[in-house]
């Protein structure tokens, strides 16, 4: 590895919480189990592919993490600080627009240059092109901290950061795709034909959200709404708004499957055992069938008892 790519891979390997559950190199890399979300899993496996078996762990062992600001939906970035010889190295990844804003320089072919309008225009075009393919894009940047201001015994404060989060060096993008599961487009069409309104609410960039929504037929030629770059609080507001208009709401997605179990137990009337959208369609079909059978049973009971009730009333008269 040479030039900018080397620093990009270093940043991607260090600025991550994802880890392999066990380093069994006999298992093909795509099938190795990882502790981490989908995006971090993809990045970790790519780093391992480039750095070689155990390469990511070796780099992390060599450059020990001393402080971290975890990713959150408000900041939309993650920061970690590592030992790097006689100084500290700050690495950051996150939403590309946030990363670009934090940078004052860019690394091109191993040469550091100032950020200018021409680069910002090229940045926007590349970002929009990748997002248009339905790819999730993350930006990466770094900064070597001045050893005079940040000596070896420096106490980093991540609550009220006492280290720079601006004037960083932009390294590049990584784009990944999380393709819709098989059967989701058909499931969406079934929902729509059954009068069920399907709405996408995502934290992804608007261009990425639009591309994926088109792939699964949530939006078509007719005007439809997709919520993008939403925070968890905004997602809750959207669900409550639907409920206040007397709608029954079902929520599913990768976040619900991994992290939302305890919350969903408290908030939901019914919980799905997986995060597959097609499961909702099956649930709706079964629910409507049960409700229809219940109505038929009640109607049959009433109609079969009316003659007996009429005869009884005549006898009483």
Protein backbone atom coordinates (compact mmCIF):
# COMPACT_ATOMS: atom_id res chain seq x y z
CA UNK A 1 0.00 0.00 0.00
CA UNK A 2 1.23 3.45 -0.89
CA UNK A 3 0.20 7.08 -0.70
CA UNK A 4 -3.27 8.15 0.36
CA UNK A 5 -4.68 4.62 0.27
CA UNK A 6 -2.34 3.51 3.05
CA UNK A 7 -3.60 6.26 5.37
CA UNK A 8 -7.22 5.58 4.41
CA UNK A 9 -6.85 1.92 5.36
CA UNK A 10 -5.16 2.86 8.63
CA UNK A 11 -8.04 5.19 9.50
CA UNK A 12 -10.68 2.60 8.55
CA UNK A 13 -9.01 -0.14 10.61
CA UNK A 14 -8.54 2.01 13.71
CA UNK A 15 -11.76 4.02 13.74
CA UNK A 16 -14.03 1.04 14.33
CA UNK A 17 -15.54 -0.99 17.16
CA UNK A 18 -16.17 -4.08 15.04
CA UNK A 19 -14.20 -7.22 15.89
CA UNK A 20 -14.14 -10.80 14.69
CA UNK A 21 -15.76 -13.14 17.19
CA UNK A 22 -12.88 -15.56 16.65
CA UNK A 23 -9.95 -15.44 14.27
CA UNK A 24 -10.40 -18.76 12.52
CA UNK A 25 -8.50 -18.17 9.29
CA UNK A 26 -9.74 -21.47 7.86
CA UNK A 27 -13.20 -19.89 7.53
CA UNK A 28 -13.59 -17.83 4.33
CA UNK A 29 -13.51 -14.11 5.13
CA UNK A 30 -17.09 -13.34 3.95
CA UNK A 31 -18.42 -16.02 6.34
CA UNK A 32 -16.52 -14.98 9.47
CA UNK A 33 -18.74 -13.77 12.30
CA UNK A 34 -18.30 -10.17 13.42
CA UNK A 35 -19.49 -8.22 16.46
CA UNK A 36 -20.66 -4.89 15.03
CA UNK A 37 -23.27 -3.27 12.84
CA UNK A 38 -23.59 -3.90 9.10
CA UNK A 39 -21.46 -0.96 7.97
CA UNK A 40 -18.63 -1.64 10.40
CA UNK A 41 -18.73 -5.34 9.54
CA UNK A 42 -18.26 -4.54 5.85
CA UNK A 43 -15.37 -2.16 6.58
CA UNK A 44 -13.65 -4.63 8.93
CA UNK A 45 -13.81 -7.44 6.37
CA UNK A 46 -12.47 -5.16 3.65
CA UNK A 47 -9.59 -4.04 5.90
CA UNK A 48 -8.81 -7.67 6.68
CA UNK A 49 -8.83 -8.48 2.96
CA UNK A 50 -6.27 -5.74 2.26
CA UNK A 51 -4.15 -6.08 5.42
CA UNK A 52 -4.17 -9.88 5.44
CA UNK A 53 -5.36 -12.37 8.05
CA UNK A 54 -5.01 -10.80 11.49
CA UNK A 55 -3.75 -7.54 9.96
CA UNK A 56 -6.47 -5.37 11.47
CA UNK A 57 -5.89 -6.71 14.99
CA UNK A 58 -2.12 -6.28 14.64
CA UNK A 59 -2.55 -2.65 13.61
CA UNK A 60 -4.89 -1.99 16.53
CA UNK A 61 -2.48 -3.68 18.94
CA UNK A 62 0.36 -1.53 17.61
CA UNK A 63 -1.65 1.69 17.84
CA UNK A 64 -3.54 1.36 21.11
CA UNK A 65 -6.78 3.32 21.49
CA UNK A 66 -6.68 5.87 24.32
CA UNK A 67 -9.96 7.76 23.80
CA UNK A 68 -13.13 7.50 21.74
CA UNK A 69 -16.29 9.37 20.85
CA UNK A 70 -18.76 6.69 19.67
CA UNK A 71 -20.95 7.31 16.65
CA UNK A 72 -24.35 8.83 17.39
CA UNK A 73 -27.18 9.95 15.17
CA UNK A 74 -26.82 13.59 16.21
CA UNK A 75 -23.14 14.11 15.42
CA UNK A 76 -23.08 11.48 12.66
CA UNK A 77 -19.39 10.78 13.19
CA UNK A 78 -17.09 8.57 15.26
CA UNK A 79 -13.69 9.63 16.62
CA UNK A 80 -10.90 7.65 18.23
CA UNK A 81 -7.41 8.64 19.40
CA UNK A 82 -4.49 6.22 19.26
CA UNK A 83 -0.87 5.99 20.27
CA UNK A 84 1.29 6.56 17.20
CA UNK A 85 4.93 6.40 18.16
CA UNK A 86 5.86 9.50 20.16
CA UNK A 87 2.56 11.26 19.46
CA UNK A 88 -1.18 10.69 19.22
CA UNK A 89 -3.18 10.05 16.06
CA UNK A 90 -6.81 11.20 15.79
CA UNK A 91 -8.99 9.34 13.28
CA UNK A 92 -12.58 10.11 12.33
CA UNK A 93 -15.24 8.56 10.14
CA UNK A 94 -18.87 9.48 9.49
CA UNK A 95 -21.35 11.11 7.16
CA UNK A 96 -19.30 12.55 4.27
CA UNK A 97 -20.77 16.05 4.59
CA UNK A 98 -19.79 16.11 8.28
CA UNK A 99 -16.28 14.85 7.51
CA UNK A 100 -15.75 17.40 4.75
CA UNK A 101 -16.83 20.20 7.07
CA UNK A 102 -14.29 19.04 9.68
CA UNK A 103 -11.39 19.09 7.18
CA UNK A 104 -9.21 21.94 5.99
CA UNK A 105 -6.78 19.85 3.92
CA UNK A 106 -6.96 16.80 1.65
CA UNK A 107 -4.45 14.04 0.93
CA UNK A 108 -4.05 13.37 -2.81
CA UNK A 109 -1.47 10.83 -4.00
CA UNK A 110 0.33 11.16 -0.70
CA UNK A 111 0.53 14.96 -0.92
CA UNK A 112 -1.38 17.18 1.51
CA UNK A 113 -3.19 20.10 -0.14
CA UNK A 114 -5.57 22.80 0.96
CA UNK A 115 -9.30 22.26 0.50
CA UNK A 116 -10.78 24.49 -2.21
CA UNK A 117 -14.09 24.98 -4.05
CA UNK A 118 -13.01 22.78 -6.95
CA UNK A 119 -12.44 19.86 -4.58
CA UNK A 120 -15.77 20.49 -2.84
CA UNK A 121 -17.56 20.33 -6.21
CA UNK A 122 -15.80 17.07 -7.13
CA UNK A 123 -16.58 15.74 -3.65
CA UNK A 124 -20.29 16.50 -4.10
CA UNK A 125 -20.42 14.87 -7.55
CA UNK A 126 -18.70 11.70 -6.33
CA UNK A 127 -20.91 11.52 -3.25
CA UNK A 128 -24.11 11.97 -5.25
CA UNK A 129 -23.01 9.43 -7.87
CA UNK A 130 -22.32 6.75 -5.26
CA UNK A 131 -25.51 7.59 -3.36
CA UNK A 132 -27.45 7.35 -6.61
CA UNK A 133 -26.46 3.68 -6.84
CA UNK A 134 -28.07 3.11 -3.45
CA UNK A 135 -24.69 2.84 -1.74
CA UNK A 136 -24.03 3.94 1.83
CA UNK A 137 -21.05 6.28 1.83
CA UNK A 138 -18.71 7.08 4.73
CA UNK A 139 -15.94 9.66 4.80
CA UNK A 140 -12.59 9.29 6.59
CA UNK A 141 -10.08 11.81 7.91
CA UNK A 142 -7.21 12.02 10.39
CA UNK A 143 -4.87 14.36 12.24
CA UNK A 144 -1.53 13.85 13.98
CA UNK A 145 -1.74 15.77 17.25
CA UNK A 146 1.07 18.13 18.21
CA UNK A 147 3.18 16.32 20.87
CA UNK A 148 3.91 19.62 22.62
CA UNK A 149 0.20 20.29 23.17
CA UNK A 150 -0.66 16.62 23.71
CA UNK A 151 2.18 14.97 25.65
CA UNK A 152 2.21 11.21 26.42
CA UNK A 153 0.37 11.65 29.73
CA UNK A 154 -2.36 13.94 28.32
CA UNK A 155 -5.86 13.25 29.74
CA UNK A 156 -8.33 13.29 26.86
CA UNK A 157 -11.90 14.34 27.71
CA UNK A 158 -14.50 12.96 25.31
CA UNK A 159 -17.51 14.54 27.07
CA UNK A 160 -16.33 18.10 26.46
CA UNK A 161 -13.64 17.40 23.86
CA UNK A 162 -10.30 19.00 24.74
CA UNK A 163 -8.78 18.03 21.40
CA UNK A 164 -9.37 19.35 17.85
CA UNK A 165 -12.35 18.18 15.79
CA UNK A 166 -11.69 20.64 12.96
CA UNK A 167 -8.81 21.35 10.56
CA UNK A 168 -8.43 17.63 9.92
CA UNK A 169 -7.04 15.95 6.79
CA UNK A 170 -9.53 14.33 4.39
CA UNK A 171 -8.48 10.85 3.24
CA UNK A 172 -11.34 9.52 1.15
CA UNK A 173 -14.64 7.67 0.88
CA UNK A 174 -15.71 4.11 1.38
CA UNK A 175 -18.98 3.04 -0.21
CA UNK A 176 -20.90 -0.13 0.53
CA UNK A 177 -24.26 -1.49 -0.45
CA UNK A 178 -26.80 -3.24 1.74
CA UNK A 179 -29.04 -4.77 -0.93
CA UNK A 180 -32.73 -5.33 -0.18
CA UNK A 181 -33.51 -8.87 0.89
CA UNK A 182 -35.02 -11.17 -1.74
CA UNK A 183 -38.77 -10.87 -1.78
CA UNK A 184 -38.94 -7.35 -0.30
CA UNK A 185 -40.03 -5.59 -3.54
CA UNK A 186 -42.82 -8.15 -3.98
CA UNK A 187 -43.79 -7.82 -0.30
CA UNK A 188 -44.01 -4.03 -0.65
CA UNK A 189 -46.27 -4.37 -3.68
CA UNK A 190 -48.49 -6.85 -1.80
CA UNK A 191 -48.80 -4.38 1.08
CA UNK A 192 -49.70 -1.54 -1.24
CA UNK A 193 -52.31 -3.63 -3.08
CA UNK A 194 -53.81 -4.58 0.32
CA UNK A 195 -54.13 -0.94 1.38
CA UNK A 196 -51.10 -0.95 3.69
CA UNK A 197 -49.01 2.21 3.39
CA UNK A 198 -45.25 1.53 3.32
CA UNK A 199 -42.98 4.37 4.47
CA UNK A 200 -39.17 4.41 4.54
CA UNK A 201 -37.57 6.20 7.50
CA UNK A 202 -33.78 6.08 7.43
CA UNK A 203 -30.66 7.82 8.64
CA UNK A 204 -29.05 7.53 5.20
CA UNK A 205 -28.41 10.42 2.82
CA UNK A 206 -31.50 11.52 0.81
CA UNK A 207 -29.97 10.36 -2.50
CA UNK A 208 -29.19 6.90 -1.11
CA UNK A 209 -32.62 6.63 0.50
CA UNK A 210 -34.33 7.58 -2.76
CA UNK A 211 -32.35 5.01 -4.77
CA UNK A 212 -33.15 2.16 -2.36
CA UNK A 213 -36.81 3.20 -2.11
CA UNK A 214 -37.07 2.96 -5.90
CA UNK A 215 -35.45 -0.50 -5.89
CA UNK A 216 -38.08 -1.87 -3.50
CA UNK A 217 -40.98 0.02 -5.15
CA UNK A 218 -41.74 2.24 -2.16
CA UNK A 219 -41.65 5.24 -4.49
CA UNK A 220 -42.66 5.22 -8.12
CA UNK A 221 -43.86 7.80 -10.63
CA UNK A 222 -46.55 8.95 -8.25
CA UNK A 223 -45.47 11.22 -5.40
CA UNK A 224 -44.37 9.32 -2.30
CA UNK A 225 -42.49 10.43 0.80
CA UNK A 226 -39.19 9.02 2.10
CA UNK A 227 -37.76 10.28 5.38
CA UNK A 228 -33.95 10.50 5.31
CA UNK A 229 -31.22 11.66 7.72
CA UNK A 230 -33.63 11.07 10.61
CA UNK A 231 -32.60 10.70 14.24
CA UNK A 232 -34.19 8.13 16.62
CA UNK A 233 -36.24 10.94 18.20
CA UNK A 234 -37.58 11.95 14.78
CA UNK A 235 -38.43 8.33 13.97
CA UNK A 236 -40.47 8.17 17.17
CA UNK A 237 -42.27 11.41 16.24
CA UNK A 238 -43.16 9.98 12.82
CA UNK A 239 -44.58 6.77 14.35
CA UNK A 240 -46.58 8.73 16.94
CA UNK A 241 -47.94 11.04 14.22
CA UNK A 242 -49.29 8.01 12.33
CA UNK A 243 -50.77 6.58 15.53
CA UNK A 244 -52.49 9.88 16.37
CA UNK A 245 -54.31 9.66 13.03
CA UNK A 246 -55.71 6.23 14.04
CA UNK A 247 -53.20 4.15 12.08
CA UNK A 248 -51.81 0.85 13.32
CA UNK A 249 -48.03 1.03 12.86
CA UNK A 250 -45.51 -1.78 12.34
CA UNK A 251 -41.79 -0.98 12.45
CA UNK A 252 -39.02 -3.22 11.17
CA UNK A 253 -35.42 -2.91 10.04
CA UNK A 254 -31.86 -3.87 10.90
CA UNK A 255 -31.73 -1.62 13.96
CA UNK A 256 -34.87 -3.22 15.37
CA UNK A 257 -33.42 -6.69 14.90
CA UNK A 258 -30.12 -5.92 16.66
CA UNK A 259 -30.62 -3.16 19.19
CA UNK A 260 -34.32 -2.54 19.55
CA UNK A 261 -35.52 -5.71 21.28
CA UNK A 262 -35.82 -4.40 24.84
CA UNK A 263 -37.35 -1.12 23.73
CA UNK A 264 -39.84 -2.85 21.45
CA UNK A 265 -40.96 -5.13 24.30
CA UNK A 266 -41.93 -2.05 26.29
CA UNK A 267 -43.49 -0.05 23.45
CA UNK A 268 -45.14 -2.62 21.19
CA UNK A 269 -48.36 -4.61 21.40
CA UNK A 270 -46.87 -7.33 19.21
CA UNK A 271 -43.22 -8.22 18.44
CA UNK A 272 -41.86 -9.97 15.35
CA UNK A 273 -39.12 -12.52 15.95
CA UNK A 274 -37.05 -11.31 12.99
CA UNK A 275 -36.39 -8.07 11.08
CA UNK A 276 -37.50 -9.35 7.67
CA UNK A 277 -40.03 -7.02 6.04
CA UNK A 278 -41.75 -9.99 4.39
CA UNK A 279 -42.68 -11.24 7.88
CA UNK A 280 -44.97 -8.22 8.27
CA UNK A 281 -46.83 -9.23 5.11
CA UNK A 282 -47.32 -12.74 6.48
CA UNK A 283 -48.51 -11.28 9.78
CA UNK A 284 -51.02 -8.99 8.07
CA UNK A 285 -52.34 -11.86 5.95
CA UNK A 286 -52.77 -14.14 8.98
CA UNK A 287 -54.31 -11.35 11.07
CA UNK A 288 -56.85 -10.45 8.40
CA UNK A 289 -57.70 -14.12 7.88
CA UNK A 290 -58.28 -14.61 11.63
CA UNK A 291 -60.38 -11.44 11.84
CA UNK A 292 -62.42 -12.48 8.79
CA UNK A 293 -63.03 -15.94 10.27
CA UNK A 294 -64.01 -14.36 13.59
CA UNK A 295 -66.60 -12.15 11.86
CA UNK A 296 -67.99 -15.16 9.99
CA UNK A 297 -68.19 -17.16 13.22
CA UNK A 298 -70.06 -14.37 15.02
CA UNK A 299 -72.40 -13.85 12.07
CA UNK A 300 -73.13 -17.60 11.90
CA UNK A 301 -73.78 -17.79 15.66
CA UNK A 302 -76.18 -14.86 15.56
CA UNK A 303 -78.11 -16.02 12.50
CA UNK A 304 -78.41 -19.60 13.77
CA UNK A 305 -79.75 -18.44 17.15
CA UNK A 306 -82.28 -15.89 15.87
CA UNK A 307 -84.96 -18.53 14.90
CA UNK A 308 -84.64 -20.12 18.34
CA UNK A 309 -84.92 -16.74 20.04
CA UNK A 310 -87.98 -15.89 17.91
CA UNK A 311 -89.67 -19.22 18.82
CA UNK A 312 -88.92 -18.67 22.50
CA UNK A 313 -90.44 -15.19 22.43
CA UNK A 314 -93.61 -16.53 20.75
CA UNK A 315 -94.01 -19.18 23.43
CA UNK A 316 -93.64 -16.54 26.11
CA UNK A 317 -96.36 -14.46 24.47
